[in-house]
Amino acid sequence: MNEVASYDIAVSFDEAQRGAVDGVVEACRQRGLTVLHGHEHTHDWWAGKSDGDLPDARIRLFVPLVATIDDFTAAVLRAVKAGDWHVLPVLVDDVAVPADLLHPHVTYVRGKTGEPDQLADALATRIERAESAGWHRGRLSTVVVRARETTSPTTVPATFSRYAEQAAALRYLGEQFTAAMPGLGGRGFVGTAHLGDSRIALRIERAGDTVYALDIQRGGIGGDETVNFVVGRHDGDIHGSACTNGWARPVYDTEAGGPRLELHGVPGSGRSVLEHGNDPRAYTKEELFTALWQRIDTVLTATAG
């Protein structure tokens, strides 16, 4: 069985870049990167080949040099926005990219084909980061086909309101916690849920001692449209960002076609409201209540033990 070739990057380029791309590829190779590059590997070539006709290889990153926005380069930019980390477009020279094709939290590589060393340094840095993060190599044809077939996401409805979703989430969580608290009596705990206009205060006691406390409030570290979570009892006014163990921003999930609560942890807060680290995670309000209640159950089980 023949071993599949493996590369750090595979390069795609516009016809007008054919001469300059050689310098970029050579500079990358001088830095120890393995590069899949052919003089025929233009954007049109990558866009026109079927899965079976693409090179049989595995790559860390597919690197299209974007000097103009056409169907192919727009698709690969949408792929990055959709979260495909195998694709790393390089924005060449002064190319203007529409805002709707760029992810607000992704740092894109910018460079000039006439300055190959700077571009090669940037690409080498990205490869080092990918290796340190343990990113696996992907099958090249899968990466390319998936990227070029990425379509524009469904747009966010004009009627979507972060504040309306914030209010709905607080109302739902308040109702669910109020209904769930009496059931703790069978486990030897007393639970109370106080519902205010902008705050839900949950307290769980055993023999008069508070074993778990959670405040859920309108607004906080993430902005006044968010839902803020404070774990544990805190003296004084908890409003603002002084005491935060997580916050959720209402977002519209275009793929699912509905609202979600994007939960963020707080680095250095000591106790995250949910134990999934600091990476954002999206929940429906129903899923968020379930996750919060499961977290409470874990804490109470440990306390009882």
Protein backbone atom coordinates (compact mmCIF):
# COMPACT_ATOMS: atom_id res chain seq x y z
CA MET A 1 0.00 0.00 0.00
CA ASN A 2 1.41 3.38 -1.00
CA GLU A 3 1.84 5.87 1.81
CA VAL A 4 -0.21 9.05 1.40
CA ALA A 5 1.94 12.17 1.01
CA SER A 6 1.79 14.65 3.87
CA TYR A 7 2.37 18.43 3.73
CA ASP A 8 2.24 21.42 6.03
CA ILE A 9 0.51 23.59 3.43
CA ALA A 10 -1.02 23.39 -0.04
CA VAL A 11 -1.00 26.63 -2.00
CA SER A 12 -3.64 28.07 -4.34
CA PHE A 13 -3.15 31.30 -6.27
CA ASP A 14 -4.63 33.60 -8.86
CA GLU A 15 -3.35 33.44 -12.43
CA ALA A 16 -1.77 36.89 -12.04
CA GLN A 17 0.29 35.62 -9.06
CA ARG A 18 1.86 32.72 -10.95
CA GLY A 19 5.36 34.24 -11.05
CA ALA A 20 5.42 35.71 -7.54
CA VAL A 21 4.12 32.60 -5.78
CA ASP A 22 7.35 30.71 -6.51
CA GLY A 23 9.23 33.08 -4.20
CA VAL A 24 6.69 32.54 -1.41
CA VAL A 25 6.90 28.76 -1.77
CA GLU A 26 10.71 28.77 -1.75
CA ALA A 27 10.80 31.00 1.35
CA CYS A 28 8.43 28.60 3.12
CA ARG A 29 10.60 25.61 2.22
CA GLN A 30 13.69 27.42 3.52
CA ARG A 31 11.88 27.60 6.88
CA GLY A 32 11.38 23.87 6.93
CA LEU A 33 7.77 23.78 5.77
CA THR A 34 6.63 21.08 3.38
CA VAL A 35 4.62 22.66 0.56
CA LEU A 36 2.34 21.16 -2.08
CA HIS A 37 2.61 23.53 -5.03
CA GLY A 38 2.28 23.15 -8.77
CA HIS A 39 2.35 25.76 -11.50
CA GLU A 40 -1.13 24.63 -12.54
CA HIS A 41 -2.56 24.97 -8.99
CA THR A 42 -4.50 28.17 -9.58
CA HIS A 43 -7.83 28.96 -7.91
CA ASP A 44 -9.58 27.89 -11.12
CA TRP A 45 -7.73 24.56 -11.03
CA TRP A 46 -8.73 23.82 -7.43
CA ALA A 47 -12.29 24.96 -8.12
CA GLY A 48 -12.72 22.78 -11.20
CA LYS A 49 -11.32 19.44 -10.04
CA SER A 50 -13.56 16.69 -8.70
CA ASP A 51 -12.76 14.95 -5.43
CA GLY A 52 -11.14 12.02 -7.21
CA ASP A 53 -8.98 14.23 -9.41
CA LEU A 54 -7.45 16.25 -6.56
CA PRO A 55 -4.03 15.23 -5.15
CA ASP A 56 -4.07 12.31 -2.73
CA ALA A 57 -2.42 14.01 0.21
CA ARG A 58 -2.92 15.13 3.78
CA ILE A 59 -2.30 18.73 4.79
CA ARG A 60 -2.18 20.87 7.87
CA LEU A 61 -3.46 24.01 6.09
CA PHE A 62 -4.89 24.86 2.68
CA VAL A 63 -3.54 28.34 1.82
CA PRO A 64 -5.30 30.28 -0.96
CA LEU A 65 -3.64 33.62 -1.78
CA VAL A 66 -6.57 36.03 -2.07
CA ALA A 67 -5.90 39.03 -4.31
CA THR A 68 -9.41 39.33 -5.75
CA ILE A 69 -12.80 38.17 -4.55
CA ASP A 70 -14.42 35.67 -6.89
CA ASP A 71 -16.64 32.64 -6.34
CA PHE A 72 -13.78 30.43 -5.16
CA THR A 73 -12.08 32.90 -2.80
CA ALA A 74 -15.45 33.98 -1.39
CA ALA A 75 -16.22 30.33 -0.63
CA VAL A 76 -12.94 29.71 1.20
CA LEU A 77 -13.44 32.87 3.24
CA ARG A 78 -16.92 31.67 4.19
CA ALA A 79 -15.38 28.33 5.20
CA VAL A 80 -13.10 30.11 7.68
CA LYS A 81 -16.04 32.08 9.02
CA ALA A 82 -17.91 28.79 9.46
CA GLY A 83 -15.05 27.45 11.60
CA ASP A 84 -12.94 25.39 9.16
CA TRP A 85 -9.45 25.68 10.67
CA HIS A 86 -7.84 23.68 7.85
CA VAL A 87 -8.27 26.73 5.59
CA LEU A 88 -5.98 29.76 5.95
CA PRO A 89 -6.58 32.44 3.32
CA VAL A 90 -3.76 34.95 2.89
CA LEU A 91 -5.11 38.40 2.06
CA VAL A 92 -2.68 39.70 -0.53
CA ASP A 93 -1.64 43.32 -1.02
CA ASP A 94 -4.58 45.68 -0.54
CA VAL A 95 -7.44 43.35 -1.41
CA ALA A 96 -10.74 44.65 -0.02
CA VAL A 97 -12.81 41.89 1.58
CA PRO A 98 -16.50 42.50 2.35
CA ALA A 99 -17.17 42.46 6.08
CA ASP A 100 -19.73 39.66 5.74
CA LEU A 101 -16.97 37.31 4.52
CA LEU A 102 -14.68 37.89 7.51
CA HIS A 103 -15.00 36.35 10.95
CA PRO A 104 -14.78 39.11 13.61
CA HIS A 105 -12.58 36.97 15.89
CA VAL A 106 -10.20 35.47 13.31
CA THR A 107 -6.83 37.12 12.66
CA TYR A 108 -6.16 36.75 8.95
CA VAL A 109 -2.69 36.64 7.44
CA ARG A 110 -1.99 39.70 5.31
CA GLY A 111 1.05 40.06 3.12
CA LYS A 112 2.54 40.96 -0.20
CA THR A 113 3.71 38.41 -2.75
CA GLY A 114 6.61 40.77 -3.39
CA GLU A 115 7.75 40.24 0.22
CA PRO A 116 7.99 36.44 0.39
CA ASP A 117 10.06 36.27 3.59
CA GLN A 118 7.44 38.10 5.65
CA LEU A 119 4.67 35.89 4.27
CA ALA A 120 6.70 32.76 4.92
CA ASP A 121 7.36 33.85 8.52
CA ALA A 122 3.64 34.36 9.11
CA LEU A 123 2.78 30.96 7.64
CA ALA A 124 5.50 29.23 9.65
CA THR A 125 4.09 30.79 12.82
CA ARG A 126 0.60 29.50 12.00
CA ILE A 127 1.93 26.00 11.39
CA GLU A 128 3.77 26.06 14.73
CA ARG A 129 0.54 27.07 16.47
CA ALA A 130 -1.39 24.31 14.71
CA GLU A 131 1.19 21.72 15.73
CA SER A 132 1.24 22.96 19.34
CA ALA A 133 -2.55 22.77 19.46
CA GLY A 134 -2.46 19.20 18.17
CA TRP A 135 -4.40 19.97 15.00
CA HIS A 136 -4.40 16.88 12.82
CA ARG A 137 -3.75 16.90 9.08
CA GLY A 138 -6.84 16.67 6.91
CA ARG A 139 -7.42 14.87 3.64
CA LEU A 140 -6.69 17.52 1.02
CA SER A 141 -9.57 16.73 -1.32
CA THR A 142 -12.04 16.76 1.58
CA VAL A 143 -10.75 20.12 2.81
CA VAL A 144 -10.91 21.72 -0.64
CA VAL A 145 -14.31 20.33 -1.65
CA ARG A 146 -15.85 21.22 1.70
CA ALA A 147 -14.42 24.75 1.53
CA ARG A 148 -15.51 25.53 -2.01
CA GLU A 149 -19.04 24.26 -1.32
CA THR A 150 -19.49 26.52 1.73
CA THR A 151 -22.52 28.68 1.02
CA SER A 152 -23.72 31.91 2.57
CA PRO A 153 -25.44 31.25 5.88
CA THR A 154 -29.06 32.06 6.45
CA THR A 155 -29.34 35.69 7.42
CA VAL A 156 -30.40 36.77 10.89
CA PRO A 157 -34.09 37.76 10.88
CA ALA A 158 -34.80 41.46 11.23
CA THR A 159 -37.12 40.61 14.13
CA PHE A 160 -34.37 38.94 16.21
CA SER A 161 -33.79 40.87 19.46
CA ARG A 162 -31.03 40.14 21.97
CA TYR A 163 -32.97 41.93 24.70
CA ALA A 164 -36.17 40.00 24.03
CA GLU A 165 -34.20 36.72 24.14
CA GLN A 166 -32.48 37.86 27.34
CA ALA A 167 -35.87 38.48 28.96
CA ALA A 168 -37.21 35.14 27.70
CA ALA A 169 -34.17 33.29 29.06
CA LEU A 170 -34.45 34.88 32.51
CA ARG A 171 -38.17 34.18 32.63
CA TYR A 172 -37.70 30.54 31.59
CA LEU A 173 -34.81 29.89 33.97
CA GLY A 174 -36.75 31.46 36.83
CA GLU A 175 -39.78 29.28 36.17
CA GLN A 176 -37.74 26.09 35.89
CA PHE A 177 -35.67 26.68 39.02
CA THR A 178 -38.79 27.59 41.01
CA ALA A 179 -40.40 24.32 39.95
CA ALA A 180 -37.26 22.24 40.62
CA MET A 181 -36.25 23.53 44.06
CA PRO A 182 -38.91 21.70 46.16
CA GLY A 183 -37.62 18.37 44.87
CA LEU A 184 -34.36 18.87 46.77
CA GLY A 185 -36.15 18.18 50.04
CA GLY A 186 -36.01 14.46 49.40
CA ARG A 187 -32.22 14.69 49.32
CA GLY A 188 -31.93 16.57 52.58
CA PHE A 189 -31.52 20.06 51.12
CA VAL A 190 -33.67 23.18 51.18
CA GLY A 191 -33.74 25.20 47.97
CA THR A 192 -35.17 28.67 47.43
CA ALA A 193 -35.45 30.72 44.26
CA HIS A 194 -36.06 34.46 44.56
CA LEU A 195 -37.20 36.07 41.33
CA GLY A 196 -36.71 39.80 40.93
CA ASP A 197 -37.13 42.09 37.95
CA SER A 198 -33.51 41.67 36.83
CA ARG A 199 -32.11 38.92 39.05
CA ILE A 200 -32.72 35.32 40.03
CA ALA A 201 -31.15 34.36 43.37
CA LEU A 202 -30.81 30.63 44.02
CA ARG A 203 -29.77 29.38 47.46
CA ILE A 204 -29.48 25.75 48.55
CA GLU A 205 -29.00 24.98 52.26
CA ARG A 206 -28.48 22.07 54.56
CA ALA A 207 -29.08 22.56 58.30
CA GLY A 208 -29.00 26.32 57.78
CA ASP A 209 -25.66 26.36 55.97
CA THR A 210 -25.54 27.52 52.36
CA VAL A 211 -23.98 24.78 50.24
CA TYR A 212 -24.63 26.34 46.84
CA ALA A 213 -25.50 29.83 45.68
CA LEU A 214 -26.07 31.12 42.17
CA ASP A 215 -27.19 34.56 41.03
CA ILE A 216 -28.44 34.99 37.48
CA GLN A 217 -28.79 38.61 36.45
CA ARG A 218 -29.59 40.88 33.57
CA GLY A 219 -26.45 42.45 32.09
CA GLY A 220 -22.87 42.26 33.28
CA ILE A 221 -19.35 41.79 31.97
CA GLY A 222 -20.48 40.93 28.43
CA GLY A 223 -22.84 43.91 28.00
CA ASP A 224 -26.32 44.92 29.10
CA GLU A 225 -27.96 42.47 26.68
CA THR A 226 -26.28 39.47 28.32
CA VAL A 227 -27.19 37.11 31.15
CA ASN A 228 -24.59 37.11 33.92
CA PHE A 229 -23.84 34.25 36.34
CA VAL A 230 -22.28 34.58 39.80
CA VAL A 231 -21.46 31.40 41.70
CA GLY A 232 -21.19 31.59 45.49
CA ARG A 233 -22.25 34.23 47.97
CA HIS A 234 -20.78 37.71 47.52
CA ASP A 235 -21.10 40.71 49.78
CA GLY A 236 -22.42 43.97 48.42
CA ASP A 237 -23.79 44.81 45.00
CA ILE A 238 -23.05 42.04 42.48
CA HIS A 239 -24.09 44.07 39.45
CA GLY A 240 -21.42 44.81 36.86
CA SER A 241 -18.31 42.80 36.18
CA ALA A 242 -16.77 42.59 39.66
CA CYS A 243 -18.15 39.10 40.36
CA THR A 244 -18.70 36.97 37.29
CA ASN A 245 -18.27 33.25 36.75
CA GLY A 246 -19.79 33.19 33.28
CA TRP A 247 -22.02 35.16 30.96
CA ALA A 248 -24.29 34.32 28.05
CA ARG A 249 -25.06 36.50 25.03
CA PRO A 250 -28.20 35.84 22.99
CA VAL A 251 -27.24 35.01 19.39
CA TYR A 252 -29.09 33.76 16.35
CA ASP A 253 -27.89 30.37 15.10
CA THR A 254 -28.34 30.65 11.34
CA GLU A 255 -27.58 26.97 10.82
CA ALA A 256 -30.19 25.79 13.33
CA GLY A 257 -32.56 28.62 12.42
CA GLY A 258 -33.22 29.82 15.95
CA PRO A 259 -31.89 31.75 18.95
CA ARG A 260 -29.21 30.41 21.27
CA LEU A 261 -27.40 31.57 24.39
CA GLU A 262 -23.65 31.67 23.78
CA LEU A 263 -22.11 30.91 27.16
CA HIS A 264 -18.65 32.26 27.97
CA GLY A 265 -16.44 31.31 30.89
CA VAL A 266 -14.36 33.93 32.65
CA PRO A 267 -10.59 33.29 32.74
CA GLY A 268 -9.23 33.52 36.26
CA SER A 269 -12.66 33.64 37.87
CA GLY A 270 -11.86 30.57 39.98
CA ARG A 271 -15.22 28.87 39.47
CA SER A 272 -16.85 28.62 36.09
CA VAL A 273 -20.63 28.37 36.14
CA LEU A 274 -20.26 25.25 33.95
CA GLU A 275 -17.16 23.10 33.76
CA HIS A 276 -16.40 23.27 30.03
CA GLY A 277 -13.55 25.74 30.15
CA ASN A 278 -13.48 29.22 28.66
CA ASP A 279 -14.41 28.34 25.07
CA PRO A 280 -17.89 29.68 24.16
CA ARG A 281 -20.64 27.11 23.83
CA ALA A 282 -24.16 27.71 22.49
CA TYR A 283 -27.28 26.45 24.26
CA THR A 284 -31.00 26.80 23.82
CA LYS A 285 -32.56 28.13 27.01
CA GLU A 286 -33.87 24.62 27.68
CA GLU A 287 -30.40 23.11 27.23
CA LEU A 288 -28.87 25.77 29.44
CA PHE A 289 -31.27 25.04 32.32
CA THR A 290 -30.52 21.31 32.00
CA ALA A 291 -26.76 21.97 32.07
CA LEU A 292 -27.05 24.29 35.09
CA TRP A 293 -29.22 21.82 36.98
CA GLN A 294 -26.81 18.97 36.22
CA ARG A 295 -23.98 21.13 37.57
CA ILE A 296 -25.94 21.80 40.75
CA ASP A 297 -26.66 18.09 41.09
CA THR A 298 -22.94 17.32 40.82
CA VAL A 299 -22.11 19.83 43.56
CA LEU A 300 -24.83 18.55 45.87
CA THR A 301 -23.81 14.93 45.31
CA ALA A 302 -20.26 15.81 46.33
CA THR A 303 -21.54 17.72 49.37
CA ALA A 304 -23.74 14.83 50.48
CA GLY A 305 -20.81 12.45 50.12
